[in-house]
Amino acid sequence: NAKNTVYLQMNSLKPEDTAVYYCNVRVQGINYW
């Protein structure tokens, strides 16, 4: 929270994890990407 940052640690990755990954936040009912 001090850095206003969210992380996703991904281990044991598989080929099926291949994708574009998007961060999301919902503010007052609206999703931002």
PDB file of all heavy atoms in Angstrom:
ATOM      1  N   ASN A   1       0.810  -1.212   0.000  1.00  0.00           N
ATOM      2  CA  ASN A   1       0.000   0.000   0.000  1.00  0.00           C
ATOM      3  C   ASN A   1       0.849   1.270   0.000  1.00  0.00           C
ATOM      4  O   ASN A   1       0.444   2.286  -0.566  1.00  0.00           O
ATOM      5  CB  ASN A   1      -0.945   0.003   1.200  1.00  0.00           C
ATOM      6  CG  ASN A   1      -2.055  -1.016   1.065  1.00  0.00           C
ATOM      7  OD1 ASN A   1      -2.476  -1.355  -0.044  1.00  0.00           O
ATOM      8  ND2 ASN A   1      -2.546  -1.511   2.192  1.00  0.00           N
ATOM      9  N   ALA A   2       2.007   1.225   0.629  1.00  0.00           N
ATOM     10  CA  ALA A   2       2.882   2.389   0.651  1.00  0.00           C
ATOM     11  C   ALA A   2       3.346   2.756  -0.752  1.00  0.00           C
ATOM     12  O   ALA A   2       3.537   3.933  -1.068  1.00  0.00           O
ATOM     13  CB  ALA A   2       4.080   2.143   1.557  1.00  0.00           C
ATOM     14  N   LYS A   3       3.532   1.751  -1.596  1.00  0.00           N
ATOM     15  CA  LYS A   3       3.960   1.975  -2.975  1.00  0.00           C
ATOM     16  C   LYS A   3       2.795   2.008  -3.952  1.00  0.00           C
ATOM     17  O   LYS A   3       3.003   2.212  -5.150  1.00  0.00           O
ATOM     18  CB  LYS A   3       4.947   0.899  -3.401  1.00  0.00           C
ATOM     19  CG  LYS A   3       6.243   0.891  -2.612  1.00  0.00           C
ATOM     20  CD  LYS A   3       7.179  -0.200  -3.111  1.00  0.00           C
ATOM     21  CE  LYS A   3       8.484  -0.194  -2.347  1.00  0.00           C
ATOM     22  NZ  LYS A   3       9.406  -1.262  -2.823  1.00  0.00           N
ATOM     23  N   ASN A   4       1.585   1.780  -3.442  1.00  0.00           N
ATOM     24  CA  ASN A   4       0.399   1.748  -4.286  1.00  0.00           C
ATOM     25  C   ASN A   4       0.577   0.753  -5.432  1.00  0.00           C
ATOM     26  O   ASN A   4       0.253   1.038  -6.594  1.00  0.00           O
ATOM     27  CB  ASN A   4       0.087   3.139  -4.841  1.00  0.00           C
ATOM     28  CG  ASN A   4      -1.397   3.464  -4.804  1.00  0.00           C
ATOM     29  OD1 ASN A   4      -2.155   2.923  -4.007  1.00  0.00           O
ATOM     30  ND2 ASN A   4      -1.827   4.360  -5.680  1.00  0.00           N
ATOM     31  N   THR A   5       1.075  -0.411  -5.084  1.00  0.00           N
ATOM     32  CA  THR A   5       1.430  -1.416  -6.072  1.00  0.00           C
ATOM     33  C   THR A   5       0.881  -2.780  -5.673  1.00  0.00           C
ATOM     34  O   THR A   5       0.907  -3.148  -4.493  1.00  0.00           O
ATOM     35  CB  THR A   5       2.952  -1.505  -6.236  1.00  0.00           C
ATOM     36  OG1 THR A   5       3.459  -0.232  -6.656  1.00  0.00           O
ATOM     37  CG2 THR A   5       3.333  -2.553  -7.267  1.00  0.00           C
ATOM     38  N   VAL A   6       0.397  -3.513  -6.656  1.00  0.00           N
ATOM     39  CA  VAL A   6      -0.046  -4.879  -6.448  1.00  0.00           C
ATOM     40  C   VAL A   6       0.836  -5.798  -7.281  1.00  0.00           C
ATOM     41  O   VAL A   6       1.276  -5.430  -8.375  1.00  0.00           O
ATOM     42  CB  VAL A   6      -1.543  -5.041  -6.797  1.00  0.00           C
ATOM     43  CG1 VAL A   6      -1.796  -4.771  -8.271  1.00  0.00           C
ATOM     44  CG2 VAL A   6      -2.033  -6.424  -6.399  1.00  0.00           C
ATOM     45  N   TYR A   7       1.103  -6.993  -6.761  1.00  0.00           N
ATOM     46  CA  TYR A   7       2.005  -7.929  -7.400  1.00  0.00           C
ATOM     47  C   TYR A   7       1.306  -9.257  -7.661  1.00  0.00           C
ATOM     48  O   TYR A   7       0.331  -9.615  -7.008  1.00  0.00           O
ATOM     49  CB  TYR A   7       3.230  -8.194  -6.523  1.00  0.00           C
ATOM     50  CG  TYR A   7       3.977  -6.956  -6.115  1.00  0.00           C
ATOM     51  CD1 TYR A   7       3.700  -6.323  -4.911  1.00  0.00           C
ATOM     52  CD2 TYR A   7       4.968  -6.416  -6.932  1.00  0.00           C
ATOM     53  CE1 TYR A   7       4.387  -5.186  -4.526  1.00  0.00           C
ATOM     54  CE2 TYR A   7       5.658  -5.277  -6.555  1.00  0.00           C
ATOM     55  CZ  TYR A   7       5.366  -4.665  -5.355  1.00  0.00           C
ATOM     56  OH  TYR A   7       6.047  -3.545  -4.973  1.00  0.00           O
ATOM     57  N   LEU A   8       1.837  -9.979  -8.613  1.00  0.00           N
ATOM     58  CA  LEU A   8       1.415 -11.349  -8.850  1.00  0.00           C
ATOM     59  C   LEU A   8       2.665 -12.197  -9.019  1.00  0.00           C
ATOM     60  O   LEU A   8       3.348 -12.105 -10.039  1.00  0.00           O
ATOM     61  CB  LEU A   8       0.523 -11.463 -10.083  1.00  0.00           C
ATOM     62  CG  LEU A   8      -0.064 -12.850 -10.339  1.00  0.00           C
ATOM     63  CD1 LEU A   8      -1.068 -13.218  -9.242  1.00  0.00           C
ATOM     64  CD2 LEU A   8      -0.745 -12.915 -11.708  1.00  0.00           C
ATOM     65  N   GLN A   9       2.975 -12.987  -8.001  1.00  0.00           N
ATOM     66  CA  GLN A   9       4.089 -13.913  -8.073  1.00  0.00           C
ATOM     67  C   GLN A   9       3.606 -15.193  -8.728  1.00  0.00           C
ATOM     68  O   GLN A   9       2.675 -15.835  -8.237  1.00  0.00           O
ATOM     69  CB  GLN A   9       4.633 -14.210  -6.676  1.00  0.00           C
ATOM     70  CG  GLN A   9       5.780 -15.209  -6.646  1.00  0.00           C
ATOM     71  CD  GLN A   9       7.025 -14.688  -7.317  1.00  0.00           C
ATOM     72  OE1 GLN A   9       7.429 -13.555  -7.073  1.00  0.00           O
ATOM     73  NE2 GLN A   9       7.638 -15.507  -8.169  1.00  0.00           N
ATOM     74  N   MET A  10       4.228 -15.567  -9.826  1.00  0.00           N
ATOM     75  CA  MET A  10       3.812 -16.726 -10.594  1.00  0.00           C
ATOM     76  C   MET A  10       4.941 -17.744 -10.602  1.00  0.00           C
ATOM     77  O   MET A  10       6.021 -17.485 -11.142  1.00  0.00           O
ATOM     78  CB  MET A  10       3.444 -16.331 -12.025  1.00  0.00           C
ATOM     79  CG  MET A  10       2.394 -15.230 -12.103  1.00  0.00           C
ATOM     80  SD  MET A  10       1.846 -14.901 -13.804  1.00  0.00           S
ATOM     81  CE  MET A  10       3.375 -14.285 -14.512  1.00  0.00           C
ATOM     82  N   ASN A  11       4.705 -18.885  -9.997  1.00  0.00           N
ATOM     83  CA  ASN A  11       5.672 -19.966  -9.934  1.00  0.00           C
ATOM     84  C   ASN A  11       5.158 -21.171 -10.705  1.00  0.00           C
ATOM     85  O   ASN A  11       3.971 -21.289 -10.990  1.00  0.00           O
ATOM     86  CB  ASN A  11       5.941 -20.363  -8.481  1.00  0.00           C
ATOM     87  CG  ASN A  11       6.531 -19.250  -7.657  1.00  0.00           C
ATOM     88  OD1 ASN A  11       7.301 -18.427  -8.151  1.00  0.00           O
ATOM     89  ND2 ASN A  11       6.194 -19.220  -6.369  1.00  0.00           N
ATOM     90  N   SER A  12       6.079 -22.075 -11.015  1.00  0.00           N
ATOM     91  CA  SER A  12       5.728 -23.310 -11.724  1.00  0.00           C
ATOM     92  C   SER A  12       4.877 -23.024 -12.953  1.00  0.00           C
ATOM     93  O   SER A  12       3.842 -23.658 -13.186  1.00  0.00           O
ATOM     94  CB  SER A  12       4.999 -24.273 -10.774  1.00  0.00           C
ATOM     95  OG  SER A  12       5.795 -24.586  -9.650  1.00  0.00           O
ATOM     96  N   LEU A  13       5.321 -22.088 -13.736  1.00  0.00           N
ATOM     97  CA  LEU A  13       4.549 -21.660 -14.893  1.00  0.00           C
ATOM     98  C   LEU A  13       4.395 -22.778 -15.909  1.00  0.00           C
ATOM     99  O   LEU A  13       5.302 -23.589 -16.116  1.00  0.00           O
ATOM    100  CB  LEU A  13       5.198 -20.448 -15.538  1.00  0.00           C
ATOM    101  CG  LEU A  13       4.968 -19.132 -14.785  1.00  0.00           C
ATOM    102  CD1 LEU A  13       5.964 -18.077 -15.225  1.00  0.00           C
ATOM    103  CD2 LEU A  13       3.533 -18.641 -15.014  1.00  0.00           C
ATOM    104  N   LYS A  14       3.243 -22.795 -16.537  1.00  0.00           N
ATOM    105  CA  LYS A  14       2.898 -23.782 -17.544  1.00  0.00           C
ATOM    106  C   LYS A  14       2.617 -23.085 -18.864  1.00  0.00           C
ATOM    107  O   LYS A  14       2.230 -21.914 -18.881  1.00  0.00           O
ATOM    108  CB  LYS A  14       1.662 -24.573 -17.109  1.00  0.00           C
ATOM    109  CG  LYS A  14       1.783 -25.256 -15.759  1.00  0.00           C
ATOM    110  CD  LYS A  14       0.470 -25.915 -15.369  1.00  0.00           C
ATOM    111  CE  LYS A  14       0.563 -26.588 -14.018  1.00  0.00           C
ATOM    112  NZ  LYS A  14      -0.721 -27.220 -13.626  1.00  0.00           N
ATOM    113  N   PRO A  15       2.773 -23.790 -19.976  1.00  0.00           N
ATOM    114  CA  PRO A  15       2.456 -23.172 -21.273  1.00  0.00           C
ATOM    115  C   PRO A  15       1.042 -22.602 -21.331  1.00  0.00           C
ATOM    116  O   PRO A  15       0.823 -21.579 -21.986  1.00  0.00           O
ATOM    117  CB  PRO A  15       2.641 -24.317 -22.265  1.00  0.00           C
ATOM    118  CG  PRO A  15       3.683 -25.175 -21.631  1.00  0.00           C
ATOM    119  CD  PRO A  15       3.379 -25.120 -20.150  1.00  0.00           C
ATOM    120  N   GLU A  16       0.101 -23.225 -20.649  1.00  0.00           N
ATOM    121  CA  GLU A  16      -1.263 -22.732 -20.659  1.00  0.00           C
ATOM    122  C   GLU A  16      -1.442 -21.430 -19.884  1.00  0.00           C
ATOM    123  O   GLU A  16      -2.522 -20.835 -19.926  1.00  0.00           O
ATOM    124  CB  GLU A  16      -2.236 -23.794 -20.128  1.00  0.00           C
ATOM    125  CG  GLU A  16      -1.819 -24.406 -18.810  1.00  0.00           C
ATOM    126  CD  GLU A  16      -1.100 -25.730 -18.987  1.00  0.00           C
ATOM    127  OE1 GLU A  16      -0.220 -25.819 -19.872  1.00  0.00           O
ATOM    128  OE2 GLU A  16      -1.421 -26.678 -18.254  1.00  0.00           O
ATOM    129  N   ASP A  17      -0.407 -20.980 -19.182  1.00  0.00           N
ATOM    130  CA  ASP A  17      -0.444 -19.676 -18.532  1.00  0.00           C
ATOM    131  C   ASP A  17      -0.132 -18.550 -19.505  1.00  0.00           C
ATOM    132  O   ASP A  17      -0.241 -17.374 -19.134  1.00  0.00           O
ATOM    133  CB  ASP A  17       0.545 -19.623 -17.369  1.00  0.00           C
ATOM    134  CG  ASP A  17       0.190 -20.574 -16.245  1.00  0.00           C
ATOM    135  OD1 ASP A  17      -1.009 -20.676 -15.904  1.00  0.00           O
ATOM    136  OD2 ASP A  17       1.113 -21.202 -15.695  1.00  0.00           O
ATOM    137  N   THR A  18       0.268 -18.883 -20.702  1.00  0.00           N
ATOM    138  CA  THR A  18       0.595 -17.873 -21.702  1.00  0.00           C
ATOM    139  C   THR A  18      -0.610 -16.992 -21.983  1.00  0.00           C
ATOM    140  O   THR A  18      -1.686 -17.484 -22.331  1.00  0.00           O
ATOM    141  CB  THR A  18       1.078 -18.532 -22.999  1.00  0.00           C
ATOM    142  OG1 THR A  18       2.314 -19.216 -22.754  1.00  0.00           O
ATOM    143  CG2 THR A  18       1.303 -17.493 -24.086  1.00  0.00           C
ATOM    144  N   ALA A  19      -0.432 -15.696 -21.819  1.00  0.00           N
ATOM    145  CA  ALA A  19      -1.524 -14.748 -22.005  1.00  0.00           C
ATOM    146  C   ALA A  19      -0.999 -13.343 -21.785  1.00  0.00           C
ATOM    147  O   ALA A  19       0.124 -13.147 -21.313  1.00  0.00           O
ATOM    148  CB  ALA A  19      -2.667 -15.029 -21.023  1.00  0.00           C
ATOM    149  N   VAL A  20      -1.825 -12.368 -22.119  1.00  0.00           N
ATOM    150  CA  VAL A  20      -1.580 -10.999 -21.703  1.00  0.00           C
ATOM    151  C   VAL A  20      -2.246 -10.823 -20.351  1.00  0.00           C
ATOM    152  O   VAL A  20      -3.435 -11.110 -20.195  1.00  0.00           O
ATOM    153  CB  VAL A  20      -2.130  -9.977 -22.710  1.00  0.00           C
ATOM    154  CG1 VAL A  20      -1.916  -8.553 -22.196  1.00  0.00           C
ATOM    155  CG2 VAL A  20      -1.461 -10.158 -24.063  1.00  0.00           C
ATOM    156  N   TYR A  21      -1.485 -10.368 -19.382  1.00  0.00           N
ATOM    157  CA  TYR A  21      -1.991 -10.197 -18.029  1.00  0.00           C
ATOM    158  C   TYR A  21      -2.314  -8.731 -17.781  1.00  0.00           C
ATOM    159  O   TYR A  21      -1.512  -7.848 -18.074  1.00  0.00           O
ATOM    160  CB  TYR A  21      -0.972 -10.699 -17.009  1.00  0.00           C
ATOM    161  CG  TYR A  21      -0.927 -12.199 -16.923  1.00  0.00           C
ATOM    162  CD1 TYR A  21      -0.394 -12.952 -17.962  1.00  0.00           C
ATOM    163  CD2 TYR A  21      -1.438 -12.872 -15.810  1.00  0.00           C
ATOM    164  CE1 TYR A  21      -0.377 -14.335 -17.903  1.00  0.00           C
ATOM    165  CE2 TYR A  21      -1.419 -14.247 -15.742  1.00  0.00           C
ATOM    166  CZ  TYR A  21      -0.888 -14.976 -16.782  1.00  0.00           C
ATOM    167  OH  TYR A  21      -0.871 -16.349 -16.719  1.00  0.00           O
ATOM    168  N   TYR A  22      -3.500  -8.495 -17.227  1.00  0.00           N
ATOM    169  CA  TYR A  22      -3.994  -7.146 -16.994  1.00  0.00           C
ATOM    170  C   TYR A  22      -4.247  -6.905 -15.519  1.00  0.00           C
ATOM    171  O   TYR A  22      -4.843  -7.742 -14.842  1.00  0.00           O
ATOM    172  CB  TYR A  22      -5.302  -6.905 -17.746  1.00  0.00           C
ATOM    173  CG  TYR A  22      -5.182  -6.977 -19.245  1.00  0.00           C
ATOM    174  CD1 TYR A  22      -5.381  -8.170 -19.924  1.00  0.00           C
ATOM    175  CD2 TYR A  22      -4.878  -5.838 -19.986  1.00  0.00           C
ATOM    176  CE1 TYR A  22      -5.284  -8.235 -21.299  1.00  0.00           C
ATOM    177  CE2 TYR A  22      -4.778  -5.891 -21.360  1.00  0.00           C
ATOM    178  CZ  TYR A  22      -4.982  -7.093 -22.013  1.00  0.00           C
ATOM    179  OH  TYR A  22      -4.891  -7.152 -23.382  1.00  0.00           O
ATOM    180  N   CYS A  23      -3.839  -5.756 -15.051  1.00  0.00           N
ATOM    181  CA  CYS A  23      -4.164  -5.306 -13.711  1.00  0.00           C
ATOM    182  C   CYS A  23      -5.520  -4.622 -13.731  1.00  0.00           C
ATOM    183  O   CYS A  23      -5.896  -3.989 -14.727  1.00  0.00           O
ATOM    184  CB  CYS A  23      -3.084  -4.343 -13.216  1.00  0.00           C
ATOM    185  SG  CYS A  23      -3.327  -3.717 -11.541  1.00  0.00           S
ATOM    186  N   ASN A  24      -6.253  -4.746 -12.644  1.00  0.00           N
ATOM    187  CA  ASN A  24      -7.594  -4.188 -12.564  1.00  0.00           C
ATOM    188  C   ASN A  24      -7.849  -3.583 -11.196  1.00  0.00           C
ATOM    189  O   ASN A  24      -7.414  -4.115 -10.175  1.00  0.00           O
ATOM    190  CB  ASN A  24      -8.633  -5.282 -12.841  1.00  0.00           C
ATOM    191  CG  ASN A  24     -10.023  -4.918 -12.363  1.00  0.00           C
ATOM    192  OD1 ASN A  24     -10.441  -5.316 -11.275  1.00  0.00           O
ATOM    193  ND2 ASN A  24     -10.745  -4.163 -13.180  1.00  0.00           N
ATOM    194  N   VAL A  25      -8.567  -2.466 -11.184  1.00  0.00           N
ATOM    195  CA  VAL A  25      -9.052  -1.887  -9.935  1.00  0.00           C
ATOM    196  C   VAL A  25     -10.475  -1.408 -10.156  1.00  0.00           C
ATOM    197  O   VAL A  25     -10.805  -0.892 -11.225  1.00  0.00           O
ATOM    198  CB  VAL A  25      -8.147  -0.736  -9.440  1.00  0.00           C
ATOM    199  CG1 VAL A  25      -8.104   0.409 -10.446  1.00  0.00           C
ATOM    200  CG2 VAL A  25      -8.616  -0.236  -8.075  1.00  0.00           C
ATOM    201  N   ARG A  26     -11.300  -1.621  -9.161  1.00  0.00           N
ATOM    202  CA  ARG A  26     -12.684  -1.183  -9.243  1.00  0.00           C
ATOM    203  C   ARG A  26     -12.883  -0.002  -8.314  1.00  0.00           C
ATOM    204  O   ARG A  26     -12.687  -0.122  -7.102  1.00  0.00           O
ATOM    205  CB  ARG A  26     -13.636  -2.319  -8.872  1.00  0.00           C
ATOM    206  CG  ARG A  26     -15.104  -1.970  -9.057  1.00  0.00           C
ATOM    207  CD  ARG A  26     -15.990  -3.118  -8.624  1.00  0.00           C
ATOM    208  NE  ARG A  26     -17.394  -2.825  -8.823  1.00  0.00           N
ATOM    209  CZ  ARG A  26     -18.391  -3.588  -8.418  1.00  0.00           C
ATOM    210  NH1 ARG A  26     -18.121  -4.730  -7.788  1.00  0.00           N
ATOM    211  NH2 ARG A  26     -19.644  -3.227  -8.641  1.00  0.00           N
ATOM    212  N   VAL A  27     -13.265   1.134  -8.881  1.00  0.00           N
ATOM    213  CA  VAL A  27     -13.464   2.364  -8.136  1.00  0.00           C
ATOM    214  C   VAL A  27     -14.871   2.869  -8.402  1.00  0.00           C
ATOM    215  O   VAL A  27     -15.219   3.184  -9.544  1.00  0.00           O
ATOM    216  CB  VAL A  27     -12.440   3.445  -8.511  1.00  0.00           C
ATOM    217  CG1 VAL A  27     -12.682   4.700  -7.690  1.00  0.00           C
ATOM    218  CG2 VAL A  27     -11.025   2.931  -8.305  1.00  0.00           C
ATOM    219  N   GLN A  28     -15.667   2.938  -7.354  1.00  0.00           N
ATOM    220  CA  GLN A  28     -17.036   3.436  -7.452  1.00  0.00           C
ATOM    221  C   GLN A  28     -17.813   2.741  -8.566  1.00  0.00           C
ATOM    222  O   GLN A  28     -18.492   3.390  -9.370  1.00  0.00           O
ATOM    223  CB  GLN A  28     -17.038   4.951  -7.643  1.00  0.00           C
ATOM    224  CG  GLN A  28     -16.479   5.701  -6.444  1.00  0.00           C
ATOM    225  CD  GLN A  28     -16.501   7.208  -6.626  1.00  0.00           C
ATOM    226  OE1 GLN A  28     -16.070   7.735  -7.647  1.00  0.00           O
ATOM    227  NE2 GLN A  28     -17.003   7.898  -5.614  1.00  0.00           N
ATOM    228  N   GLY A  29     -17.682   1.438  -8.614  1.00  0.00           N
ATOM    229  CA  GLY A  29     -18.439   0.645  -9.554  1.00  0.00           C
ATOM    230  C   GLY A  29     -17.880   0.586 -10.956  1.00  0.00           C
ATOM    231  O   GLY A  29     -18.478  -0.067 -11.821  1.00  0.00           O
ATOM    232  N   ILE A  30     -16.757   1.222 -11.217  1.00  0.00           N
ATOM    233  CA  ILE A  30     -16.151   1.247 -12.542  1.00  0.00           C
ATOM    234  C   ILE A  30     -14.834   0.487 -12.519  1.00  0.00           C
ATOM    235  O   ILE A  30     -14.009   0.700 -11.637  1.00  0.00           O
ATOM    236  CB  ILE A  30     -15.918   2.685 -13.020  1.00  0.00           C
ATOM    237  CG1 ILE A  30     -17.246   3.447 -13.081  1.00  0.00           C
ATOM    238  CG2 ILE A  30     -15.234   2.693 -14.379  1.00  0.00           C
ATOM    239  CD1 ILE A  30     -17.096   4.909 -13.424  1.00  0.00           C
ATOM    240  N   ASN A  31     -14.652  -0.384 -13.486  1.00  0.00           N
ATOM    241  CA  ASN A  31     -13.423  -1.142 -13.617  1.00  0.00           C
ATOM    242  C   ASN A  31     -12.421  -0.403 -14.489  1.00  0.00           C
ATOM    243  O   ASN A  31     -12.747   0.033 -15.590  1.00  0.00           O
ATOM    244  CB  ASN A  31     -13.704  -2.518 -14.212  1.00  0.00           C
ATOM    245  CG  ASN A  31     -14.318  -3.470 -13.209  1.00  0.00           C
ATOM    246  OD1 ASN A  31     -13.690  -3.803 -12.215  1.00  0.00           O
ATOM    247  ND2 ASN A  31     -15.543  -3.902 -13.479  1.00  0.00           N
ATOM    248  N   TYR A  32     -11.200  -0.295 -13.994  1.00  0.00           N
ATOM    249  CA  TYR A  32     -10.108   0.311 -14.731  1.00  0.00           C
ATOM    250  C   TYR A  32      -9.047  -0.739 -15.013  1.00  0.00           C
ATOM    251  O   TYR A  32      -8.787  -1.613 -14.188  1.00  0.00           O
ATOM    252  CB  TYR A  32      -9.503   1.473 -13.948  1.00  0.00           C
ATOM    253  CG  TYR A  32     -10.458   2.618 -13.739  1.00  0.00           C
ATOM    254  CD1 TYR A  32     -11.301   2.643 -12.642  1.00  0.00           C
ATOM    255  CD2 TYR A  32     -10.527   3.675 -14.643  1.00  0.00           C
ATOM    256  CE1 TYR A  32     -12.196   3.685 -12.447  1.00  0.00           C
ATOM    257  CE2 TYR A  32     -11.412   4.714 -14.457  1.00  0.00           C
ATOM    258  CZ  TYR A  32     -12.242   4.716 -13.354  1.00  0.00           C
ATOM    259  OH  TYR A  32     -13.130   5.755 -13.172  1.00  0.00           O
ATOM    260  N   TRP A  33      -8.415  -0.623 -16.171  1.00  0.00           N
ATOM    261  CA  TRP A  33      -7.459  -1.621 -16.630  1.00  0.00           C
ATOM    262  C   TRP A  33      -6.145  -0.992 -17.034  1.00  0.00           C
ATOM    263  O   TRP A  33      -6.100   0.124 -17.551  1.00  0.00           O
ATOM    264  CB  TRP A  33      -8.013  -2.389 -17.831  1.00  0.00           C
ATOM    265  CG  TRP A  33      -9.325  -3.046 -17.571  1.00  0.00           C
ATOM    266  CD1 TRP A  33     -10.560  -2.525 -17.793  1.00  0.00           C
ATOM    267  CD2 TRP A  33      -9.529  -4.358 -17.036  1.00  0.00           C
ATOM    268  NE1 TRP A  33     -11.533  -3.425 -17.427  1.00  0.00           N
ATOM    269  CE2 TRP A  33     -10.928  -4.561 -16.964  1.00  0.00           C
ATOM    270  CE3 TRP A  33      -8.673  -5.375 -16.626  1.00  0.00           C
ATOM    271  CZ2 TRP A  33     -11.477  -5.744 -16.490  1.00  0.00           C
ATOM    272  CZ3 TRP A  33      -9.225  -6.554 -16.152  1.00  0.00           C
ATOM    273  CH2 TRP A  33     -10.605  -6.731 -16.087  1.00  0.00           C
TER     274      TRP A  33
END
